[in-house]
Amino acid sequence: MFKSILVPYDGSAGAERALRQAVGLARLCDAQLSVLTVFRHHSMLEASLSMVRKDEPGPVDDAMRGYAREVAEYAKRLAREAGAEGARAFIKAGPPARTIVRFAREHGNDLIVIGSRGLGSVENYLLGSVSHKVTGLADCPVLVV
C-alpha cells in the first residue's frame, strides 16, 4: 500500500493527531515514517511574532532553526514510542506548504498525513491553511486529519 509516509509537525494539537494517525498507518503498511518541521525565514514584519527566546540571543533564524529541531525531535520520539521505531525527523526552512510538497517529492513519499489546523500565522488566515494548500499542490495522496 504505502511505503513512505510524511507527516508535517509543528507542535500543534492538529499535528499531534495527524502524527498518531500516520504512526498507525506506518505500522499497518510497514512504511517508513518521516516527520518534517518547517520554519519560516524571519522577516522584520514578523519580528513581533517570532519564536525567539530571551535567554538565547543571536540571529533570529538560528533560534527558529533550533526551536524547529526541538519540535521535530520531540515528534520523532513520540512516533517511536508509539511503535514507528524507524521514524526520522527533518527540518527545513521556507514557505510551509511548498516546502512540505517539495520534500515529499524529493524523498519519494507516497502519502502525506497532515493536521487540518496547525499553529499557523496571520498570513494563513488571509490566504488559506497550509493543509488546504498542500492538498492542492501535492502529487501524492494527502490525508487531512
Protein backbone atom coordinates (compact mmCIF):
# COMPACT_ATOMS: atom_id res chain seq x y z
CA MET A 1 0.00 0.00 0.00
CA PHE A 2 2.06 2.98 1.26
CA LYS A 3 5.83 2.69 1.57
CA SER A 4 6.88 6.14 2.73
CA ILE A 5 4.68 8.46 4.82
CA LEU A 6 5.39 12.11 5.55
CA VAL A 7 3.82 13.90 8.49
CA PRO A 8 4.44 17.64 8.82
CA TYR A 9 4.62 18.51 12.51
CA ASP A 10 4.50 21.97 14.10
CA GLY A 11 3.70 21.02 17.69
CA SER A 12 0.00 21.87 17.46
CA ALA A 13 -2.83 19.61 18.63
CA GLY A 14 -3.82 19.01 14.99
CA ALA A 15 -0.29 17.95 14.11
CA GLU A 16 -0.23 15.57 17.06
CA ARG A 17 -3.48 13.93 15.90
CA ALA A 18 -2.01 13.61 12.40
CA LEU A 19 1.17 12.08 13.84
CA ARG A 20 -0.84 9.44 15.72
CA GLN A 21 -2.74 8.55 12.53
CA ALA A 22 0.47 8.45 10.50
CA VAL A 23 2.12 6.12 13.03
CA GLY A 24 -0.87 3.78 12.84
CA LEU A 25 -0.74 3.74 9.04
CA ALA A 26 3.03 3.28 9.00
CA ARG A 27 2.72 0.26 11.30
CA LEU A 28 -0.18 -1.18 9.28
CA CYS A 29 1.67 -0.78 5.95
CA ASP A 30 5.18 -1.38 7.27
CA ALA A 31 6.05 2.04 5.84
CA GLN A 32 8.91 4.41 6.60
CA LEU A 33 7.70 7.43 8.60
CA SER A 34 9.29 10.85 8.17
CA VAL A 35 8.45 13.84 10.35
CA LEU A 36 9.06 17.29 8.87
CA THR A 37 9.07 20.57 10.78
CA VAL A 38 9.13 23.68 8.61
CA PHE A 39 10.15 27.08 9.89
CA ARG A 40 9.82 30.33 8.03
CA HIS A 41 12.71 32.62 7.31
CA HIS A 42 12.47 35.54 9.72
CA SER A 43 11.35 38.90 8.34
CA MET A 44 11.15 42.26 10.04
CA LEU A 45 7.36 42.24 9.53
CA GLU A 46 7.12 39.11 11.66
CA ALA A 47 9.58 40.35 14.31
CA SER A 48 6.94 40.81 16.98
CA LEU A 49 5.54 37.33 16.31
CA SER A 50 8.84 35.43 16.21
CA MET A 51 9.67 32.44 18.40
CA VAL A 52 12.91 33.95 19.70
CA ARG A 53 13.50 33.27 23.37
CA LYS A 54 15.10 35.96 25.54
CA ASP A 55 17.67 33.57 27.01
CA GLU A 56 19.04 32.69 23.56
CA PRO A 57 20.40 35.81 21.88
CA GLY A 58 21.66 35.61 18.31
CA PRO A 59 20.31 35.58 14.78
CA VAL A 60 16.56 35.02 14.67
CA ASP A 61 16.86 32.31 12.01
CA ASP A 62 19.28 30.36 14.24
CA ALA A 63 16.81 30.47 17.13
CA MET A 64 13.94 29.43 14.87
CA ARG A 65 16.01 26.58 13.41
CA GLY A 66 16.90 25.43 16.93
CA TYR A 67 13.28 25.51 18.03
CA ALA A 68 12.21 23.62 14.88
CA ARG A 69 14.83 20.97 15.64
CA GLU A 70 13.43 20.54 19.16
CA VAL A 71 9.88 20.20 17.80
CA ALA A 72 10.92 17.65 15.15
CA GLU A 73 12.93 15.57 17.63
CA TYR A 74 10.00 15.57 20.07
CA ALA A 75 7.68 14.32 17.31
CA LYS A 76 10.19 11.62 16.33
CA ARG A 77 10.35 10.47 19.94
CA LEU A 78 6.52 10.34 20.14
CA ALA A 79 6.37 8.34 16.91
CA ARG A 80 8.99 5.86 18.06
CA GLU A 81 7.30 5.41 21.44
CA ALA A 82 4.02 4.69 19.60
CA GLY A 83 5.64 1.93 17.54
CA ALA A 84 7.22 3.59 14.50
CA GLU A 85 10.74 2.59 15.53
CA GLY A 86 12.37 3.79 12.30
CA ALA A 87 10.78 7.25 12.32
CA ARG A 88 13.10 10.01 11.09
CA ALA A 89 12.92 13.75 11.75
CA PHE A 90 13.83 16.58 9.38
CA ILE A 91 13.69 20.37 9.48
CA LYS A 92 13.51 22.75 6.53
CA ALA A 93 13.15 26.50 6.10
CA GLY A 94 10.68 28.00 3.68
CA PRO A 95 7.02 28.61 2.94
CA PRO A 96 5.31 25.70 4.74
CA ALA A 97 3.03 24.22 2.07
CA ARG A 98 5.51 24.42 -0.80
CA THR A 99 8.33 23.13 1.41
CA ILE A 100 6.23 20.14 2.53
CA VAL A 101 5.29 19.23 -1.05
CA ARG A 102 8.86 19.70 -2.32
CA PHE A 103 10.18 17.49 0.50
CA ALA A 104 7.61 14.77 -0.30
CA ARG A 105 8.63 14.78 -3.98
CA GLU A 106 12.36 14.74 -3.23
CA HIS A 107 12.05 11.90 -0.72
CA GLY A 108 9.55 9.78 -2.65
CA ASN A 109 6.83 9.97 -0.01
CA ASP A 110 3.66 8.37 -1.31
CA LEU A 111 1.36 9.76 1.40
CA ILE A 112 1.25 12.99 3.39
CA VAL A 113 -0.71 12.96 6.66
CA ILE A 114 -1.33 16.49 7.90
CA GLY A 115 -3.39 18.18 10.60
CA SER A 116 -6.31 20.30 9.47
CA ARG A 117 -5.17 23.23 11.59
CA GLY A 118 -1.69 23.97 12.86
CA LEU A 119 -0.08 26.83 14.69
CA GLY A 120 -0.37 28.95 11.55
CA SER A 121 0.24 32.65 11.10
CA VAL A 122 -1.66 35.78 10.19
CA GLU A 123 -0.84 35.04 6.54
CA ASN A 124 -2.61 31.68 6.74
CA TYR A 125 -5.83 33.31 7.94
CA LEU A 126 -5.76 35.58 4.89
CA LEU A 127 -4.55 33.12 2.24
CA GLY A 128 -5.82 29.74 3.46
CA SER A 129 -4.49 26.97 5.64
CA VAL A 130 -1.29 25.02 5.00
CA SER A 131 -3.23 21.75 4.80
CA HIS A 132 -5.51 23.21 2.13
CA LYS A 133 -2.53 24.38 0.08
CA VAL A 134 -0.77 21.01 0.43
CA THR A 135 -3.84 19.16 -0.89
CA GLY A 136 -3.79 21.39 -3.97
CA LEU A 137 -0.06 21.13 -4.63
CA ALA A 138 0.82 17.53 -3.76
CA ASP A 139 1.31 14.82 -6.37
CA CYS A 140 0.62 12.07 -3.84
CA PRO A 141 -2.47 11.42 -1.70
CA VAL A 142 -2.94 13.71 1.30
CA LEU A 143 -4.83 12.63 4.40
CA VAL A 144 -6.07 15.64 6.37
CA VAL A 145 -6.75 14.73 9.98
